[in-house]
Structure formats: structure tokens, C-alpha cells
Amino acid sequence: AFNPSNGWNVAAIEPHRIQTRYHDDGAPAWFATIKRI
């Protein structure tokens, strides 16, 4: 979906955590920086 042939560039993908009611230390997640080219 996010590839150069469709006009997108994935600049970065970083591990992150998000707060939920079910995880004391947050749930595993990914933070993606995607740029339109």
C-alpha cells in the first residue's frame, strides 16, 4: 500500500508502546513516518 510506485515512501518505523486499560506497561505498537512523494 505504501510504496514508491503508489507515491509513498516509508521514512521510518520505530517500536513504541501505547497505553491501554489491559497492559500495565502499555501494549506493543509501531510508529511509522510515511511521506508522500
PDB file of N, CA and C in Angstrom:
ATOM      1  N   ALA A   1       0.822  -1.188   0.000  1.00  0.00           N
ATOM      2  CA  ALA A   1       0.000   0.000   0.000  1.00  0.00           C
ATOM      3  C   ALA A   1       0.866   1.252   0.000  1.00  0.00           C
ATOM      4  N   PHE A   2       1.867   1.315   0.874  1.00  0.00           N
ATOM      5  CA  PHE A   2       2.727   2.494   0.956  1.00  0.00           C
ATOM      6  C   PHE A   2       4.056   2.204   0.274  1.00  0.00           C
ATOM      7  N   ASN A   3       4.072   2.289  -1.043  1.00  0.00           N
ATOM      8  CA  ASN A   3       5.319   2.059  -1.770  1.00  0.00           C
ATOM      9  C   ASN A   3       5.510   3.157  -2.810  1.00  0.00           C
ATOM     10  N   PRO A   4       6.743   3.338  -3.285  1.00  0.00           N
ATOM     11  CA  PRO A   4       7.040   4.426  -4.219  1.00  0.00           C
ATOM     12  C   PRO A   4       6.193   4.396  -5.493  1.00  0.00           C
ATOM     13  N   SER A   5       5.813   3.226  -5.973  1.00  0.00           N
ATOM     14  CA  SER A   5       5.014   3.175  -7.201  1.00  0.00           C
ATOM     15  C   SER A   5       3.613   3.762  -6.996  1.00  0.00           C
ATOM     16  N   ASN A   6       3.171   3.852  -5.736  1.00  0.00           N
ATOM     17  CA  ASN A   6       1.885   4.479  -5.415  1.00  0.00           C
ATOM     18  C   ASN A   6       2.052   5.895  -4.880  1.00  0.00           C
ATOM     19  N   GLY A   7       3.299   6.413  -4.901  1.00  0.00           N
ATOM     20  CA  GLY A   7       3.540   7.783  -4.468  1.00  0.00           C
ATOM     21  C   GLY A   7       3.819   7.967  -2.991  1.00  0.00           C
ATOM     22  N   TRP A   8       4.228   6.900  -2.302  1.00  0.00           N
ATOM     23  CA  TRP A   8       4.502   6.975  -0.864  1.00  0.00           C
ATOM     24  C   TRP A   8       5.896   6.444  -0.558  1.00  0.00           C
ATOM     25  N   ASN A   9       6.480   6.957   0.526  1.00  0.00           N
ATOM     26  CA  ASN A   9       7.781   6.494   0.993  1.00  0.00           C
ATOM     27  C   ASN A   9       7.707   6.285   2.506  1.00  0.00           C
ATOM     28  N   VAL A  10       8.055   5.089   2.955  1.00  0.00           N
ATOM     29  CA  VAL A  10       8.110   4.817   4.389  1.00  0.00           C
ATOM     30  C   VAL A  10       9.456   5.330   4.886  1.00  0.00           C
ATOM     31  N   ALA A  11       9.432   6.457   5.593  1.00  0.00           N
ATOM     32  CA  ALA A  11      10.661   7.101   6.048  1.00  0.00           C
ATOM     33  C   ALA A  11      11.235   6.415   7.285  1.00  0.00           C
ATOM     34  N   ALA A  12      10.368   5.935   8.179  1.00  0.00           N
ATOM     35  CA  ALA A  12      10.852   5.297   9.410  1.00  0.00           C
ATOM     36  C   ALA A  12       9.748   4.446  10.022  1.00  0.00           C
ATOM     37  N   ILE A  13      10.166   3.374  10.684  1.00  0.00           N
ATOM     38  CA  ILE A  13       9.269   2.552  11.502  1.00  0.00           C
ATOM     39  C   ILE A  13      10.001   2.300  12.811  1.00  0.00           C
ATOM     40  N   GLU A  14       9.372   2.726  13.916  1.00  0.00           N
ATOM     41  CA  GLU A  14      10.017   2.624  15.222  1.00  0.00           C
ATOM     42  C   GLU A  14       9.113   1.878  16.199  1.00  0.00           C
ATOM     43  N   PRO A  15       9.696   1.009  17.028  1.00  0.00           N
ATOM     44  CA  PRO A  15       8.881   0.346  18.054  1.00  0.00           C
ATOM     45  C   PRO A  15       8.406   1.369  19.085  1.00  0.00           C
ATOM     46  N   HIS A  16       7.213   1.178  19.585  1.00  0.00           N
ATOM     47  CA  HIS A  16       6.628   2.125  20.527  1.00  0.00           C
ATOM     48  C   HIS A  16       5.670   1.357  21.437  1.00  0.00           C
ATOM     49  N   ARG A  17       5.090   2.008  22.405  1.00  0.00           N
ATOM     50  CA  ARG A  17       4.075   1.397  23.265  1.00  0.00           C
ATOM     51  C   ARG A  17       2.915   2.380  23.386  1.00  0.00           C
ATOM     52  N   ILE A  18       1.697   1.841  23.432  1.00  0.00           N
ATOM     53  CA  ILE A  18       0.517   2.677  23.625  1.00  0.00           C
ATOM     54  C   ILE A  18      -0.169   2.284  24.924  1.00  0.00           C
ATOM     55  N   GLN A  19      -0.806   3.251  25.565  1.00  0.00           N
ATOM     56  CA  GLN A  19      -1.487   2.983  26.826  1.00  0.00           C
ATOM     57  C   GLN A  19      -2.841   2.341  26.560  1.00  0.00           C
ATOM     58  N   THR A  20      -3.133   1.295  27.313  1.00  0.00           N
ATOM     59  CA  THR A  20      -4.445   0.645  27.257  1.00  0.00           C
ATOM     60  C   THR A  20      -4.892   0.346  28.683  1.00  0.00           C
ATOM     61  N   ARG A  21      -6.104  -0.061  28.826  1.00  0.00           N
ATOM     62  CA  ARG A  21      -6.606  -0.466  30.144  1.00  0.00           C
ATOM     63  C   ARG A  21      -6.103  -1.847  30.536  1.00  0.00           C
ATOM     64  N   TYR A  22      -5.609  -2.603  29.571  1.00  0.00           N
ATOM     65  CA  TYR A  22      -5.284  -4.009  29.796  1.00  0.00           C
ATOM     66  C   TYR A  22      -3.800  -4.292  29.990  1.00  0.00           C
ATOM     67  N   HIS A  23      -2.944  -3.333  29.699  1.00  0.00           N
ATOM     68  CA  HIS A  23      -1.498  -3.546  29.804  1.00  0.00           C
ATOM     69  C   HIS A  23      -0.899  -2.510  30.754  1.00  0.00           C
ATOM     70  N   ASP A  24      -0.266  -2.976  31.823  1.00  0.00           N
ATOM     71  CA  ASP A  24       0.313  -2.057  32.803  1.00  0.00           C
ATOM     72  C   ASP A  24       1.421  -1.200  32.206  1.00  0.00           C
ATOM     73  N   ASP A  25       2.241  -1.784  31.353  1.00  0.00           N
ATOM     74  CA  ASP A  25       3.366  -1.055  30.759  1.00  0.00           C
ATOM     75  C   ASP A  25       3.088  -0.620  29.325  1.00  0.00           C
ATOM     76  N   GLY A  26       1.844  -0.666  28.898  1.00  0.00           N
ATOM     77  CA  GLY A  26       1.485  -0.306  27.534  1.00  0.00           C
ATOM     78  C   GLY A  26       1.560  -1.503  26.604  1.00  0.00           C
ATOM     79  N   ALA A  27       0.819  -1.431  25.525  1.00  0.00           N
ATOM     80  CA  ALA A  27       0.801  -2.508  24.534  1.00  0.00           C
ATOM     81  C   ALA A  27       1.844  -2.227  23.460  1.00  0.00           C
ATOM     82  N   PRO A  28       2.478  -3.262  22.924  1.00  0.00           N
ATOM     83  CA  PRO A  28       3.449  -3.051  21.855  1.00  0.00           C
ATOM     84  C   PRO A  28       2.767  -2.439  20.629  1.00  0.00           C
ATOM     85  N   ALA A  29       3.469  -1.530  19.988  1.00  0.00           N
ATOM     86  CA  ALA A  29       2.930  -0.858  18.803  1.00  0.00           C
ATOM     87  C   ALA A  29       4.086  -0.423  17.914  1.00  0.00           C
ATOM     88  N   TRP A  30       3.757   0.126  16.761  1.00  0.00           N
ATOM     89  CA  TRP A  30       4.752   0.663  15.832  1.00  0.00           C
ATOM     90  C   TRP A  30       4.365   2.087  15.485  1.00  0.00           C
ATOM     91  N   PHE A  31       5.351   2.979  15.428  1.00  0.00           N
ATOM     92  CA  PHE A  31       5.149   4.358  14.995  1.00  0.00           C
ATOM     93  C   PHE A  31       5.792   4.486  13.624  1.00  0.00           C
ATOM     94  N   ALA A  32       4.994   4.775  12.624  1.00  0.00           N
ATOM     95  CA  ALA A  32       5.501   4.862  11.250  1.00  0.00           C
ATOM     96  C   ALA A  32       5.449   6.304  10.759  1.00  0.00           C
ATOM     97  N   THR A  33       6.508   6.725  10.082  1.00  0.00           N
ATOM     98  CA  THR A  33       6.542   8.012   9.401  1.00  0.00           C
ATOM     99  C   THR A  33       6.486   7.720   7.911  1.00  0.00           C
ATOM    100  N   ILE A  34       5.397   8.144   7.278  1.00  0.00           N
ATOM    101  CA  ILE A  34       5.174   7.863   5.860  1.00  0.00           C
ATOM    102  C   ILE A  34       5.010   9.192   5.136  1.00  0.00           C
ATOM    103  N   LYS A  35       5.777   9.377   4.071  1.00  0.00           N
ATOM    104  CA  LYS A  35       5.770  10.649   3.346  1.00  0.00           C
ATOM    105  C   LYS A  35       5.267  10.470   1.925  1.00  0.00           C
ATOM    106  N   ARG A  36       4.511  11.441   1.469  1.00  0.00           N
ATOM    107  CA  ARG A  36       4.026  11.463   0.086  1.00  0.00           C
ATOM    108  C   ARG A  36       5.145  11.980  -0.799  1.00  0.00           C
ATOM    109  N   ILE A  37       5.427  11.265  -1.901  1.00  0.00           N
ATOM    110  CA  ILE A  37       6.495  11.710  -2.809  1.00  0.00           C
ATOM    111  C   ILE A  37       5.910  12.139  -4.137  1.00  0.00           C
TER     112      ILE A  37
END
